[in-house]
């Protein structure tokens, strides 16, 4: 496995920003999708209806 220095050698800040943003988006999306059924269940059980 290469080090971060080797991986990003010659990379501009814009490219680095894009890489980090894509990584975070991908990771967060996976976590959200994995936990969505539980979140929906908790919300459905404990949510107070706004309109009757």
C-alpha atoms as a PDB file:
ATOM      1  CA  UNK A   1       0.000   0.000   0.000  1.00  0.00           C
ATOM      2  CA  UNK A   2       1.416   3.387  -0.970  1.00  0.00           C
ATOM      3  CA  UNK A   3       1.677   6.256   1.471  1.00  0.00           C
ATOM      4  CA  UNK A   4      -0.503   9.355   1.192  1.00  0.00           C
ATOM      5  CA  UNK A   5       2.539  11.304   0.025  1.00  0.00           C
ATOM      6  CA  UNK A   6       3.110   8.875  -2.837  1.00  0.00           C
ATOM      7  CA  UNK A   7      -0.599   8.727  -3.678  1.00  0.00           C
ATOM      8  CA  UNK A   8      -1.061  12.488  -3.902  1.00  0.00           C
ATOM      9  CA  UNK A   9       2.373  13.511  -5.225  1.00  0.00           C
ATOM     10  CA  UNK A  10       1.857  16.243  -7.822  1.00  0.00           C
ATOM     11  CA  UNK A  11      -1.837  16.580  -7.014  1.00  0.00           C
ATOM     12  CA  UNK A  12      -3.350  20.045  -6.879  1.00  0.00           C
ATOM     13  CA  UNK A  13      -5.482  21.135  -3.944  1.00  0.00           C
ATOM     14  CA  UNK A  14      -8.564  21.105  -6.182  1.00  0.00           C
ATOM     15  CA  UNK A  15      -7.991  17.497  -7.142  1.00  0.00           C
ATOM     16  CA  UNK A  16      -7.359  16.572  -3.517  1.00  0.00           C
ATOM     17  CA  UNK A  17     -10.569  18.347  -2.449  1.00  0.00           C
ATOM     18  CA  UNK A  18     -12.536  16.460  -5.099  1.00  0.00           C
ATOM     19  CA  UNK A  19     -11.072  13.119  -4.030  1.00  0.00           C
ATOM     20  CA  UNK A  20     -11.834  13.722  -0.354  1.00  0.00           C
ATOM     21  CA  UNK A  21     -15.376  14.943  -1.120  1.00  0.00           C
ATOM     22  CA  UNK A  22     -16.132  11.894  -3.262  1.00  0.00           C
ATOM     23  CA  UNK A  23     -14.748   9.557  -0.596  1.00  0.00           C
ATOM     24  CA  UNK A  24     -16.844  11.175   2.146  1.00  0.00           C
ATOM     25  CA  UNK A  25     -19.978  11.216  -0.029  1.00  0.00           C
ATOM     26  CA  UNK A  26     -19.556   7.534  -0.907  1.00  0.00           C
ATOM     27  CA  UNK A  27     -18.837   6.474   2.679  1.00  0.00           C
ATOM     28  CA  UNK A  28     -21.676   8.502   4.200  1.00  0.00           C
ATOM     29  CA  UNK A  29     -24.132   7.230   1.586  1.00  0.00           C
ATOM     30  CA  UNK A  30     -23.263   3.621   2.456  1.00  0.00           C
ATOM     31  CA  UNK A  31     -23.700   4.247   6.190  1.00  0.00           C
ATOM     32  CA  UNK A  32     -27.011   6.061   5.599  1.00  0.00           C
ATOM     33  CA  UNK A  33     -28.364   3.225   3.465  1.00  0.00           C
ATOM     34  CA  UNK A  34     -27.258   0.597   5.977  1.00  0.00           C
ATOM     35  CA  UNK A  35     -29.022   2.328   8.879  1.00  0.00           C
ATOM     36  CA  UNK A  36     -32.065   3.752   7.072  1.00  0.00           C
ATOM     37  CA  UNK A  37     -34.475   0.943   8.055  1.00  0.00           C
ATOM     38  CA  UNK A  38     -33.621   1.446  11.729  1.00  0.00           C
ATOM     39  CA  UNK A  39     -33.916   5.240  11.432  1.00  0.00           C
ATOM     40  CA  UNK A  40     -37.322   4.891   9.757  1.00  0.00           C
ATOM     41  CA  UNK A  41     -38.481   2.432  12.411  1.00  0.00           C
ATOM     42  CA  UNK A  42     -37.439   4.711  15.274  1.00  0.00           C
ATOM     43  CA  UNK A  43     -39.009   7.738  13.607  1.00  0.00           C
ATOM     44  CA  UNK A  44     -42.272   5.892  12.922  1.00  0.00           C
ATOM     45  CA  UNK A  45     -42.432   4.675  16.523  1.00  0.00           C
ATOM     46  CA  UNK A  46     -41.623   7.957  18.248  1.00  0.00           C
ATOM     47  CA  UNK A  47     -42.579  10.723  15.839  1.00  0.00           C
ATOM     48  CA  UNK A  48     -45.316  13.134  16.796  1.00  0.00           C
ATOM     49  CA  UNK A  49     -47.658  13.791  13.887  1.00  0.00           C
ATOM     50  CA  UNK A  50     -47.498  17.397  12.739  1.00  0.00           C
ATOM     51  CA  UNK A  51     -50.922  17.422  11.157  1.00  0.00           C
ATOM     52  CA  UNK A  52     -53.984  15.482  12.215  1.00  0.00           C
END
